[in-house]
Protein backbone atom coordinates (compact mmCIF):
# COMPACT_ATOMS: atom_id res chain seq x y z
CA MET A 1 -17.33 -32.58 10.34
CA GLY A 2 -13.58 -32.93 10.77
CA LYS A 3 -11.49 -30.37 12.56
CA SER A 4 -10.00 -27.58 10.48
CA LEU A 5 -6.30 -26.86 10.64
CA LEU A 6 -7.34 -23.43 11.92
CA ASP A 7 -8.63 -25.23 15.04
CA GLU A 8 -5.10 -26.48 15.69
CA TYR A 9 -2.95 -23.58 14.50
CA THR A 10 -3.21 -19.82 14.21
CA GLU A 11 -3.37 -18.43 10.70
CA GLU A 12 0.10 -16.97 11.14
CA GLU A 13 1.45 -20.43 12.06
CA LEU A 14 -0.22 -21.92 8.97
CA TRP A 15 1.46 -19.34 6.71
CA GLN A 16 4.85 -20.11 8.24
CA LYS A 17 4.31 -23.85 7.75
CA TYR A 18 3.08 -23.41 4.18
CA ARG A 19 6.10 -21.31 3.23
CA LYS A 20 8.34 -24.15 4.42
CA VAL A 21 6.59 -27.31 3.18
CA LYS A 22 3.86 -26.25 0.66
CA ASP A 23 1.43 -28.71 2.25
CA LEU A 24 -1.69 -29.04 0.06
CA LYS A 25 -3.93 -29.43 3.14
CA ILE A 26 -2.73 -26.06 4.38
CA ARG A 27 -3.28 -24.52 0.94
CA ASP A 28 -6.84 -25.89 0.81
CA THR A 29 -7.52 -24.48 4.28
CA LEU A 30 -6.29 -21.04 3.19
CA ILE A 31 -8.37 -21.21 -0.02
CA LYS A 32 -11.49 -22.04 1.99
CA GLN A 33 -10.70 -19.29 4.51
CA TYR A 34 -10.41 -16.61 1.82
CA ALA A 35 -12.94 -17.84 -0.78
CA PRO A 36 -15.50 -15.21 0.37
CA LEU A 37 -12.96 -12.53 -0.55
CA VAL A 38 -13.12 -13.66 -4.20
CA LYS A 39 -16.91 -13.23 -4.27
CA TYR A 40 -16.58 -9.86 -2.59
CA VAL A 41 -14.10 -8.54 -5.18
CA ALA A 42 -16.06 -10.09 -8.07
CA GLY A 43 -19.22 -8.42 -6.76
CA LYS A 44 -17.52 -5.02 -6.75
CA VAL A 45 -16.19 -5.49 -10.27
CA ALA A 46 -19.57 -6.72 -11.52
CA VAL A 47 -21.22 -3.37 -10.69
CA GLY A 48 -21.83 -1.51 -13.94
CA MET A 49 -20.66 -4.35 -16.17
CA PRO A 50 -22.70 -5.33 -19.25
CA HIS A 51 -25.16 -8.20 -18.85
CA ASN A 52 -22.97 -10.52 -20.92
CA VAL A 53 -20.34 -10.46 -18.15
CA GLU A 54 -21.33 -13.31 -15.83
CA PHE A 55 -20.69 -13.03 -12.08
CA ASP A 56 -19.70 -16.71 -11.88
CA ASP A 57 -17.08 -16.15 -14.58
CA LEU A 58 -15.61 -13.27 -12.56
CA VAL A 59 -15.48 -15.54 -9.49
CA SER A 60 -13.71 -18.27 -11.47
CA CYS A 61 -11.08 -15.81 -12.70
CA GLY A 62 -10.73 -14.33 -9.24
CA THR A 63 -10.08 -17.77 -7.78
CA PHE A 64 -6.97 -18.04 -9.95
CA GLY A 65 -5.89 -14.72 -8.48
CA LEU A 66 -6.41 -16.07 -4.95
CA LEU A 67 -4.29 -19.15 -5.74
CA ASP A 68 -1.58 -16.89 -7.15
CA ALA A 69 -1.72 -14.75 -4.00
CA ILE A 70 -1.39 -17.77 -1.72
CA GLU A 71 1.64 -19.02 -3.65
CA LYS A 72 3.42 -15.65 -3.69
CA PHE A 73 2.48 -14.14 -0.33
CA ASP A 74 5.39 -13.53 2.02
CA PRO A 75 4.21 -13.35 5.66
CA ALA A 76 7.54 -11.76 6.61
CA LYS A 77 6.60 -8.56 4.76
CA ASP A 78 4.55 -5.89 6.47
CA VAL A 79 1.48 -6.43 4.28
CA LYS A 80 -1.75 -8.11 5.34
CA PHE A 81 -2.71 -11.09 3.19
CA LYS A 82 -6.20 -9.69 2.58
CA THR A 83 -4.74 -6.48 1.12
CA TYR A 84 -2.28 -8.44 -1.03
CA ALA A 85 -4.91 -10.94 -2.16
CA VAL A 86 -7.44 -8.28 -3.20
CA THR A 87 -4.83 -6.86 -5.61
CA ARG A 88 -4.13 -10.31 -7.11
CA ILE A 89 -7.80 -11.31 -7.33
CA ARG A 90 -8.81 -8.03 -8.94
CA GLY A 91 -5.85 -8.22 -11.32
CA ALA A 92 -6.78 -11.75 -12.44
CA ILE A 93 -10.36 -10.66 -13.13
CA PHE A 94 -9.25 -7.60 -15.10
CA ASP A 95 -6.74 -9.64 -17.09
CA GLU A 96 -9.58 -11.91 -18.21
CA LEU A 97 -11.86 -8.96 -19.04
CA ARG A 98 -9.10 -7.38 -21.11
CA SER A 99 -8.37 -10.65 -22.91
CA THR A 100 -12.04 -10.96 -23.93
CA ASP A 101 -12.07 -7.26 -24.94
CA TRP A 102 -15.54 -6.71 -23.46
CA VAL A 103 -15.51 -2.93 -23.98
CA PRO A 104 -17.15 -1.97 -27.33
CA ARG A 105 -14.66 -0.34 -29.71
CA SER A 106 -16.85 2.77 -30.08
CA VAL A 107 -16.87 3.30 -26.30
CA ARG A 108 -13.13 2.76 -26.10
CA GLN A 109 -12.66 5.41 -28.80
CA LYS A 110 -14.88 7.90 -26.93
CA ALA A 111 -12.89 7.31 -23.74
CA ARG A 112 -9.66 7.94 -25.63
CA GLU A 113 -11.06 11.20 -27.06
CA VAL A 114 -12.07 12.46 -23.60
CA GLU A 115 -8.72 11.40 -22.12
CA ASP A 116 -6.82 13.23 -24.88
CA ALA A 117 -8.99 16.34 -24.39
CA ILE A 118 -8.38 16.33 -20.63
CA GLY A 119 -4.65 15.81 -21.12
CA SER A 120 -4.32 18.71 -23.56
CA LEU A 121 -6.52 21.09 -21.57
CA GLU A 122 -4.99 20.40 -18.16
CA ALA A 123 -1.45 20.69 -19.54
CA GLN A 124 -2.41 24.17 -20.82
CA LEU A 125 -4.49 25.26 -17.82
CA GLY A 126 -2.35 23.84 -15.04
CA ARG A 127 -5.53 22.79 -13.18
CA PRO A 128 -8.41 20.30 -13.57
CA ALA A 129 -10.56 21.14 -16.62
CA THR A 130 -14.27 21.72 -16.05
CA ASP A 131 -17.00 19.76 -17.85
CA ASN A 132 -17.80 22.85 -19.89
CA GLU A 133 -14.17 23.24 -20.98
CA ILE A 134 -13.85 19.56 -21.90
CA ALA A 135 -17.15 19.67 -23.81
CA GLY A 136 -16.02 22.82 -25.66
CA TYR A 137 -12.73 21.20 -26.61
CA LEU A 138 -14.68 18.25 -28.03
CA LYS A 139 -17.03 20.68 -29.85
CA MET A 140 -20.17 19.54 -28.02
CA ASP A 141 -22.43 20.98 -25.33
CA GLU A 142 -22.46 19.80 -21.71
CA VAL A 143 -25.59 17.68 -22.23
CA GLU A 144 -23.90 15.76 -25.07
CA PHE A 145 -20.75 15.44 -22.97
CA GLY A 146 -22.78 14.07 -20.05
CA LYS A 147 -24.35 11.44 -22.31
CA MET A 148 -20.89 10.46 -23.60
CA MET A 149 -19.59 10.09 -20.03
CA MET A 150 -22.53 7.85 -19.14
CA LYS A 151 -21.59 5.53 -22.01
CA ILE A 152 -17.99 5.48 -20.84
CA SER A 153 -18.76 5.13 -17.13
CA GLY A 154 -19.09 1.34 -17.12
CA THR A 155 -15.63 0.84 -18.58
CA SER A 156 -13.12 2.92 -16.68
CA ILE A 157 -13.44 0.97 -13.45
CA LEU A 158 -10.56 -0.93 -15.08
CA SER A 159 -8.39 2.12 -15.32
CA LEU A 160 -6.37 1.72 -12.12
CA GLN A 161 -5.38 -1.72 -13.41
CA ASP A 162 -4.19 -0.33 -16.73
CA VAL A 163 -0.51 -0.70 -17.41
CA TRP A 164 2.24 1.86 -17.10
CA PHE A 165 4.89 1.00 -19.68
CA SER A 166 8.25 2.16 -18.40
CA GLY A 167 11.22 1.81 -20.72
CA ASP A 168 10.94 -1.84 -21.65
CA GLU A 169 7.39 -2.75 -22.69
CA ASN A 170 8.04 -6.28 -21.45
CA ASP A 171 8.33 -4.90 -17.92
CA LYS A 172 4.75 -3.88 -17.23
CA THR A 173 3.69 -2.22 -13.99
CA SER A 174 0.03 -2.03 -12.98
CA ILE A 175 -0.98 1.38 -11.66
CA GLY A 176 -3.39 -0.26 -9.23
CA GLU A 177 -0.68 -2.63 -8.04
CA THR A 178 1.64 0.32 -7.54
CA ILE A 179 -0.85 2.04 -5.26
CA GLU A 180 -1.69 -1.05 -3.22
CA SER A 181 1.53 -3.06 -3.12
CA PRO A 182 4.66 -1.28 -4.35
CA ALA A 183 7.19 -3.68 -2.85
CA SER A 184 9.22 -6.00 -5.07
CA MET A 185 12.20 -8.29 -4.74
CA ASN A 186 14.19 -6.22 -7.22
CA PRO A 187 15.59 -2.98 -5.66
CA ASP A 188 15.50 -1.17 -9.02
CA VAL A 189 11.83 -2.07 -9.44
CA ILE A 190 11.11 -0.91 -5.88
CA VAL A 191 12.57 2.52 -6.70
CA GLU A 192 10.68 2.73 -10.00
CA ARG A 193 7.36 1.63 -8.54
CA ASN A 194 7.73 3.97 -5.59
CA GLU A 195 8.26 6.84 -8.04
CA ILE A 196 5.16 5.82 -10.02
CA ARG A 197 3.27 5.52 -6.74
CA ARG A 198 4.37 9.05 -5.79
CA ILE A 199 3.19 10.41 -9.14
CA VAL A 200 -0.17 8.62 -8.93
CA ILE A 201 -0.79 9.90 -5.39
CA ASP A 202 0.16 13.42 -6.51
CA VAL A 203 -2.24 13.18 -9.47
CA ILE A 204 -5.08 11.98 -7.21
CA SER A 205 -4.42 14.85 -4.78
CA GLN A 206 -5.00 17.33 -7.65
CA LEU A 207 -8.43 15.93 -8.59
CA PRO A 208 -11.59 17.99 -7.94
CA GLU A 209 -12.70 17.32 -4.35
CA LYS A 210 -15.71 15.12 -5.13
CA GLU A 211 -13.78 12.98 -7.63
CA LYS A 212 -10.93 12.60 -5.12
CA LYS A 213 -13.36 11.40 -2.44
CA ILE A 214 -14.85 8.85 -4.83
CA ILE A 215 -11.41 7.46 -5.73
CA VAL A 216 -10.43 7.14 -2.06
CA LEU A 217 -13.74 5.58 -1.02
CA TYR A 218 -13.84 3.13 -3.94
CA HIS A 219 -10.20 2.05 -4.16
CA ASN A 220 -8.94 2.53 -0.58
CA GLU A 221 -12.04 2.07 1.57
CA ASP A 222 -13.64 -0.66 -0.59
CA CYS A 223 -17.01 1.13 -0.68
CA THR A 224 -19.47 0.20 -3.43
CA LEU A 225 -20.73 2.85 -5.85
CA LYS A 226 -24.11 2.72 -4.09
CA GLU A 227 -22.50 3.31 -0.67
CA ILE A 228 -20.46 6.22 -2.06
CA GLY A 229 -23.63 7.75 -3.49
CA GLU A 230 -25.28 7.59 -0.05
CA ILE A 231 -22.22 9.18 1.59
CA LEU A 232 -22.03 12.02 -0.95
CA GLY A 233 -25.77 12.45 -1.43
CA ILE A 234 -25.76 11.74 -5.18
CA THR A 235 -27.11 8.93 -7.38
CA GLU A 236 -25.14 5.75 -8.06
CA SER A 237 -25.04 6.58 -11.78
CA ARG A 238 -23.57 10.01 -10.99
CA VAL A 239 -20.90 8.35 -8.83
CA SER A 240 -20.07 6.04 -11.74
CA GLN A 241 -19.81 9.01 -14.10
CA LEU A 242 -17.55 11.01 -11.74
CA HIS A 243 -15.42 7.91 -11.10
CA SER A 244 -14.93 7.48 -14.83
CA LYS A 245 -13.97 11.12 -15.28
CA ALA A 246 -11.47 10.85 -12.41
CA MET A 247 -9.92 7.77 -13.99
CA LEU A 248 -9.57 9.55 -17.32
CA ARG A 249 -7.94 12.53 -15.58
CA ILE A 250 -5.45 10.18 -13.89
CA ARG A 251 -4.65 8.39 -17.13
CA ALA A 252 -4.29 11.69 -19.01
CA LYS A 253 -1.97 13.12 -16.36
CA LEU A 254 0.19 9.98 -16.35
CA THR A 255 0.40 10.15 -20.15
CA ASN A 256 1.57 13.75 -19.89
CA VAL A 257 4.16 12.78 -17.26
CA ARG A 258 5.50 10.03 -19.54
CA LYS A 259 5.75 12.54 -22.38
CA GLY A 260 7.49 15.04 -20.10
CA ILE A 261 4.55 17.49 -20.17
CA MET A 262 4.13 18.82 -16.65
């Protein structure tokens, strides 16, 4: 086997060289170095997805995200490539899932109903609504509400990648991107994204304690749903359900903020 460029240069030196000359050998070395990251992200996304969503398809989409990350990464910024790449890989996978509209329309409608109920209740109450209150608002008992949340739970893993439309709908900002990588070349966008980031962090801080822990462990610590269940002493399906509810709370709160309802 031939020597890798990583045998001759440090990774930091390779990034500096690639920024200057865009050498395809360097790009191929970086792709090979970070290919396992694509499978890792695809594996996390695949959890809870319907059987018709193929893991290999997620990997293929994620690879485009990795290529995009390599082309756009700026080693001069105080962001690790792995952190930056995870955002791009995940975003590419979610873009493809959205384009194929894999979520059944009936489930999407149920999620919207729960989100609207949460938004209305929490605007009135000034605190997180309980399951019983949400169920009552939807005119169902808690058992029915639990069954509805189980149907929704496989879909709202996408929620942090949903789009915040601010002013011009052509200028779309990903909530997940805002949390993980708020920097931008445009100073106005930096200010706007930092404000969205502040709002999202504030919303997360107001979540019920268990939901907050799940959000932090899943999105910041890169734990799987199974690992979170072991940490919290609950089943993986319960983690999925609580994660979904937390995502709907976040979306509902952001909707209220956009409408000026505090």
